[in-house]
Protein backbone atom coordinates (compact mmCIF):
# COMPACT_ATOMS: atom_id res chain seq x y z
CA UNK A 1 0.00 0.00 0.00
CA UNK A 2 2.85 2.41 -0.71
CA UNK A 3 0.80 4.30 -3.31
CA UNK A 4 -2.32 4.74 -1.16
CA UNK A 5 -2.79 6.97 1.88
CA UNK A 6 -3.74 4.74 4.81
CA UNK A 7 -3.38 4.78 8.56
CA UNK A 8 -4.17 2.72 11.63
CA UNK A 9 -5.96 4.73 14.31
CA UNK A 10 -7.17 4.08 17.84
CA UNK A 11 -10.77 4.49 18.91
CA UNK A 12 -9.84 8.05 19.92
CA UNK A 13 -8.48 8.91 16.49
CA UNK A 14 -4.79 8.73 17.43
CA UNK A 15 -2.60 7.62 14.52
CA UNK A 16 -0.52 4.51 15.27
CA UNK A 17 0.94 3.79 11.80
CA UNK A 18 0.79 5.31 8.33
CA UNK A 19 1.79 4.31 4.83
CA UNK A 20 4.34 6.63 3.14
CA UNK A 21 1.41 8.23 1.29
CA UNK A 22 -0.43 8.63 4.58
CA UNK A 23 2.55 10.52 5.97
CA UNK A 24 2.60 12.74 2.85
CA UNK A 25 -1.12 13.45 3.26
CA UNK A 26 -1.00 14.16 6.99
CA UNK A 27 2.02 16.47 7.03
CA UNK A 28 2.13 19.50 9.29
CA UNK A 29 0.94 21.80 6.51
CA UNK A 30 -1.87 19.63 5.13
CA UNK A 31 -5.31 20.78 6.24
CA UNK A 32 -8.37 18.58 6.62
CA UNK A 33 -11.38 20.68 5.69
CA UNK A 34 -14.22 18.42 6.80
CA UNK A 35 -15.92 17.79 10.15
CA UNK A 36 -13.93 16.53 13.13
CA UNK A 37 -11.53 13.80 12.04
CA UNK A 38 -12.78 11.24 14.50
CA UNK A 39 -16.11 10.94 16.24
CA UNK A 40 -14.54 8.43 18.63
CA UNK A 41 -13.69 10.96 21.31
CA UNK A 42 -17.20 12.41 21.31
CA UNK A 43 -18.68 8.93 21.24
CA UNK A 44 -16.81 7.88 24.40
CA UNK A 45 -17.19 11.13 26.33
CA UNK A 46 -20.68 12.31 25.39
CA UNK A 47 -23.52 9.82 25.97
CA UNK A 48 -25.81 12.00 23.82
CA UNK A 49 -23.55 11.23 20.86
CA UNK A 50 -23.92 7.47 21.21
CA UNK A 51 -27.05 7.39 19.08
CA UNK A 52 -25.84 10.04 16.63
CA UNK A 53 -22.28 8.87 15.96
CA UNK A 54 -22.26 5.08 15.92
CA UNK A 55 -18.81 4.00 14.63
CA UNK A 56 -20.26 1.93 11.76
CA UNK A 57 -22.66 4.69 10.70
CA UNK A 58 -20.61 6.19 7.82
CA UNK A 59 -18.03 3.64 6.63
CA UNK A 60 -17.42 5.44 3.28
CA UNK A 61 -17.10 9.13 4.04
CA UNK A 62 -15.73 11.67 1.59
CA UNK A 63 -12.87 13.66 3.13
CA UNK A 64 -11.52 16.96 1.83
CA UNK A 65 -7.86 17.89 2.29
CA UNK A 66 -5.75 20.82 1.14
CA UNK A 67 -2.16 19.73 0.61
CA UNK A 68 0.50 22.47 0.30
CA UNK A 69 2.03 20.96 -2.86
CA UNK A 70 -0.93 19.58 -4.83
CA UNK A 71 -3.87 21.57 -3.46
CA UNK A 72 -7.40 20.32 -2.83
CA UNK A 73 -8.06 16.58 -2.63
CA UNK A 74 -11.42 14.82 -2.38
CA UNK A 75 -10.88 11.29 -1.07
CA UNK A 76 -13.18 8.49 -0.01
CA UNK A 77 -12.30 7.08 3.39
CA UNK A 78 -12.97 3.40 3.91
CA UNK A 79 -12.77 2.13 7.49
CA UNK A 80 -11.96 -1.44 8.47
CA UNK A 81 -12.46 -2.05 12.20
CA UNK A 82 -10.61 -4.54 14.41
CA UNK A 83 -13.18 -5.04 17.18
CA UNK A 84 -10.70 -7.00 19.30
CA UNK A 85 -8.37 -4.02 19.69
CA UNK A 86 -10.73 -1.14 18.84
CA UNK A 87 -8.31 -0.04 16.11
CA UNK A 88 -9.33 0.95 12.60
CA UNK A 89 -7.54 0.88 9.26
CA UNK A 90 -8.47 3.98 7.26
CA UNK A 91 -7.78 3.82 3.52
CA UNK A 92 -8.14 6.97 1.41
CA UNK A 93 -8.87 6.59 -2.30
CA UNK A 94 -9.82 8.84 -5.20
CA UNK A 95 -12.03 8.10 -8.17
CA UNK A 96 -9.79 6.83 -11.00
CA UNK A 97 -9.27 9.52 -13.63
CA UNK A 98 -10.36 12.32 -11.29
CA UNK A 99 -8.23 15.36 -10.49
CA UNK A 100 -7.73 14.02 -6.95
CA UNK A 101 -6.53 10.70 -8.37
CA UNK A 102 -3.93 12.51 -10.49
CA UNK A 103 -2.82 14.51 -7.46
CA UNK A 104 -2.40 11.31 -5.43
CA UNK A 105 -0.15 10.00 -8.20
CA UNK A 106 1.97 13.16 -7.91
CA UNK A 107 2.14 12.70 -4.12
CA UNK A 108 3.27 9.10 -4.56
CA UNK A 109 6.28 10.47 -6.45
CA UNK A 110 7.16 13.50 -4.32
CA UNK A 111 6.22 12.00 -0.94
CA UNK A 112 6.97 14.47 1.83
CA UNK A 113 9.30 16.62 -0.32
CA UNK A 114 8.41 20.18 -1.19
CA UNK A 115 8.45 21.40 -4.79
CA UNK A 116 9.79 24.85 -3.95
C-alpha atoms as a PDB file:
ATOM      1  CA  UNK A   1       0.000   0.000   0.000  1.00  0.00           C
ATOM      2  CA  UNK A   2       2.851   2.410  -0.710  1.00  0.00           C
ATOM      3  CA  UNK A   3       0.798   4.298  -3.312  1.00  0.00           C
ATOM      4  CA  UNK A   4      -2.323   4.735  -1.160  1.00  0.00           C
ATOM      5  CA  UNK A   5      -2.792   6.969   1.883  1.00  0.00           C
ATOM      6  CA  UNK A   6      -3.736   4.740   4.810  1.00  0.00           C
ATOM      7  CA  UNK A   7      -3.385   4.784   8.559  1.00  0.00           C
ATOM      8  CA  UNK A   8      -4.175   2.719  11.628  1.00  0.00           C
ATOM      9  CA  UNK A   9      -5.958   4.733  14.309  1.00  0.00           C
ATOM     10  CA  UNK A  10      -7.170   4.084  17.835  1.00  0.00           C
ATOM     11  CA  UNK A  11     -10.773   4.492  18.905  1.00  0.00           C
ATOM     12  CA  UNK A  12      -9.839   8.051  19.922  1.00  0.00           C
ATOM     13  CA  UNK A  13      -8.480   8.907  16.486  1.00  0.00           C
ATOM     14  CA  UNK A  14      -4.792   8.735  17.430  1.00  0.00           C
ATOM     15  CA  UNK A  15      -2.604   7.624  14.523  1.00  0.00           C
ATOM     16  CA  UNK A  16      -0.516   4.514  15.270  1.00  0.00           C
ATOM     17  CA  UNK A  17       0.943   3.795  11.805  1.00  0.00           C
ATOM     18  CA  UNK A  18       0.791   5.308   8.326  1.00  0.00           C
ATOM     19  CA  UNK A  19       1.790   4.309   4.829  1.00  0.00           C
ATOM     20  CA  UNK A  20       4.341   6.630   3.143  1.00  0.00           C
ATOM     21  CA  UNK A  21       1.413   8.227   1.286  1.00  0.00           C
ATOM     22  CA  UNK A  22      -0.428   8.628   4.584  1.00  0.00           C
ATOM     23  CA  UNK A  23       2.549  10.523   5.966  1.00  0.00           C
ATOM     24  CA  UNK A  24       2.603  12.743   2.853  1.00  0.00           C
ATOM     25  CA  UNK A  25      -1.116  13.448   3.255  1.00  0.00           C
ATOM     26  CA  UNK A  26      -1.000  14.156   6.985  1.00  0.00           C
ATOM     27  CA  UNK A  27       2.023  16.467   7.028  1.00  0.00           C
ATOM     28  CA  UNK A  28       2.134  19.501   9.295  1.00  0.00           C
ATOM     29  CA  UNK A  29       0.945  21.799   6.511  1.00  0.00           C
ATOM     30  CA  UNK A  30      -1.872  19.625   5.130  1.00  0.00           C
ATOM     31  CA  UNK A  31      -5.309  20.776   6.240  1.00  0.00           C
ATOM     32  CA  UNK A  32      -8.370  18.575   6.625  1.00  0.00           C
ATOM     33  CA  UNK A  33     -11.377  20.681   5.686  1.00  0.00           C
ATOM     34  CA  UNK A  34     -14.223  18.419   6.804  1.00  0.00           C
ATOM     35  CA  UNK A  35     -15.922  17.790  10.151  1.00  0.00           C
ATOM     36  CA  UNK A  36     -13.926  16.527  13.129  1.00  0.00           C
ATOM     37  CA  UNK A  37     -11.528  13.798  12.043  1.00  0.00           C
ATOM     38  CA  UNK A  38     -12.780  11.242  14.505  1.00  0.00           C
ATOM     39  CA  UNK A  39     -16.107  10.937  16.237  1.00  0.00           C
ATOM     40  CA  UNK A  40     -14.539   8.426  18.629  1.00  0.00           C
ATOM     41  CA  UNK A  41     -13.690  10.957  21.307  1.00  0.00           C
ATOM     42  CA  UNK A  42     -17.196  12.406  21.306  1.00  0.00           C
ATOM     43  CA  UNK A  43     -18.678   8.925  21.243  1.00  0.00           C
ATOM     44  CA  UNK A  44     -16.813   7.877  24.399  1.00  0.00           C
ATOM     45  CA  UNK A  45     -17.192  11.129  26.332  1.00  0.00           C
ATOM     46  CA  UNK A  46     -20.676  12.314  25.392  1.00  0.00           C
ATOM     47  CA  UNK A  47     -23.518   9.824  25.969  1.00  0.00           C
ATOM     48  CA  UNK A  48     -25.812  12.000  23.823  1.00  0.00           C
ATOM     49  CA  UNK A  49     -23.549  11.228  20.864  1.00  0.00           C
ATOM     50  CA  UNK A  50     -23.923   7.471  21.206  1.00  0.00           C
ATOM     51  CA  UNK A  51     -27.053   7.386  19.083  1.00  0.00           C
ATOM     52  CA  UNK A  52     -25.841  10.036  16.634  1.00  0.00           C
ATOM     53  CA  UNK A  53     -22.278   8.867  15.964  1.00  0.00           C
ATOM     54  CA  UNK A  54     -22.264   5.083  15.920  1.00  0.00           C
ATOM     55  CA  UNK A  55     -18.813   3.999  14.634  1.00  0.00           C
ATOM     56  CA  UNK A  56     -20.265   1.931  11.761  1.00  0.00           C
ATOM     57  CA  UNK A  57     -22.655   4.693  10.703  1.00  0.00           C
ATOM     58  CA  UNK A  58     -20.607   6.190   7.821  1.00  0.00           C
ATOM     59  CA  UNK A  59     -18.031   3.643   6.625  1.00  0.00           C
ATOM     60  CA  UNK A  60     -17.420   5.441   3.281  1.00  0.00           C
ATOM     61  CA  UNK A  61     -17.096   9.125   4.042  1.00  0.00           C
ATOM     62  CA  UNK A  62     -15.726  11.666   1.593  1.00  0.00           C
ATOM     63  CA  UNK A  63     -12.868  13.660   3.126  1.00  0.00           C
ATOM     64  CA  UNK A  64     -11.524  16.959   1.834  1.00  0.00           C
ATOM     65  CA  UNK A  65      -7.862  17.888   2.291  1.00  0.00           C
ATOM     66  CA  UNK A  66      -5.752  20.815   1.142  1.00  0.00           C
ATOM     67  CA  UNK A  67      -2.159  19.730   0.608  1.00  0.00           C
ATOM     68  CA  UNK A  68       0.502  22.468   0.295  1.00  0.00           C
ATOM     69  CA  UNK A  69       2.028  20.956  -2.864  1.00  0.00           C
ATOM     70  CA  UNK A  70      -0.932  19.577  -4.826  1.00  0.00           C
ATOM     71  CA  UNK A  71      -3.874  21.571  -3.465  1.00  0.00           C
ATOM     72  CA  UNK A  72      -7.401  20.324  -2.827  1.00  0.00           C
ATOM     73  CA  UNK A  73      -8.058  16.578  -2.633  1.00  0.00           C
ATOM     74  CA  UNK A  74     -11.419  14.815  -2.379  1.00  0.00           C
ATOM     75  CA  UNK A  75     -10.877  11.292  -1.069  1.00  0.00           C
ATOM     76  CA  UNK A  76     -13.181   8.493  -0.013  1.00  0.00           C
ATOM     77  CA  UNK A  77     -12.303   7.080   3.387  1.00  0.00           C
ATOM     78  CA  UNK A  78     -12.969   3.401   3.909  1.00  0.00           C
ATOM     79  CA  UNK A  79     -12.769   2.132   7.490  1.00  0.00           C
ATOM     80  CA  UNK A  80     -11.956  -1.440   8.472  1.00  0.00           C
ATOM     81  CA  UNK A  81     -12.462  -2.054  12.197  1.00  0.00           C
ATOM     82  CA  UNK A  82     -10.611  -4.543  14.407  1.00  0.00           C
ATOM     83  CA  UNK A  83     -13.180  -5.038  17.181  1.00  0.00           C
ATOM     84  CA  UNK A  84     -10.700  -7.004  19.297  1.00  0.00           C
ATOM     85  CA  UNK A  85      -8.372  -4.022  19.688  1.00  0.00           C
ATOM     86  CA  UNK A  86     -10.727  -1.137  18.838  1.00  0.00           C
ATOM     87  CA  UNK A  87      -8.307  -0.036  16.106  1.00  0.00           C
ATOM     88  CA  UNK A  88      -9.329   0.945  12.599  1.00  0.00           C
ATOM     89  CA  UNK A  89      -7.544   0.882   9.263  1.00  0.00           C
ATOM     90  CA  UNK A  90      -8.467   3.983   7.265  1.00  0.00           C
ATOM     91  CA  UNK A  91      -7.775   3.821   3.519  1.00  0.00           C
ATOM     92  CA  UNK A  92      -8.141   6.969   1.406  1.00  0.00           C
ATOM     93  CA  UNK A  93      -8.866   6.590  -2.303  1.00  0.00           C
ATOM     94  CA  UNK A  94      -9.819   8.839  -5.198  1.00  0.00           C
ATOM     95  CA  UNK A  95     -12.034   8.101  -8.175  1.00  0.00           C
ATOM     96  CA  UNK A  96      -9.787   6.832 -11.003  1.00  0.00           C
ATOM     97  CA  UNK A  97      -9.273   9.517 -13.632  1.00  0.00           C
ATOM     98  CA  UNK A  98     -10.356  12.321 -11.285  1.00  0.00           C
ATOM     99  CA  UNK A  99      -8.234  15.356 -10.491  1.00  0.00           C
ATOM    100  CA  UNK A 100      -7.728  14.019  -6.954  1.00  0.00           C
ATOM    101  CA  UNK A 101      -6.527  10.695  -8.375  1.00  0.00           C
ATOM    102  CA  UNK A 102      -3.933  12.508 -10.495  1.00  0.00           C
ATOM    103  CA  UNK A 103      -2.821  14.512  -7.456  1.00  0.00           C
ATOM    104  CA  UNK A 104      -2.400  11.312  -5.428  1.00  0.00           C
ATOM    105  CA  UNK A 105      -0.148   9.996  -8.196  1.00  0.00           C
ATOM    106  CA  UNK A 106       1.967  13.158  -7.912  1.00  0.00           C
ATOM    107  CA  UNK A 107       2.139  12.701  -4.117  1.00  0.00           C
ATOM    108  CA  UNK A 108       3.266   9.102  -4.562  1.00  0.00           C
ATOM    109  CA  UNK A 109       6.278  10.472  -6.450  1.00  0.00           C
ATOM    110  CA  UNK A 110       7.159  13.496  -4.323  1.00  0.00           C
ATOM    111  CA  UNK A 111       6.217  12.002  -0.940  1.00  0.00           C
ATOM    112  CA  UNK A 112       6.970  14.474   1.832  1.00  0.00           C
ATOM    113  CA  UNK A 113       9.303  16.624  -0.317  1.00  0.00           C
ATOM    114  CA  UNK A 114       8.408  20.175  -1.193  1.00  0.00           C
ATOM    115  CA  UNK A 115       8.452  21.401  -4.793  1.00  0.00           C
ATOM    116  CA  UNK A 116       9.789  24.850  -3.947  1.00  0.00           C
END
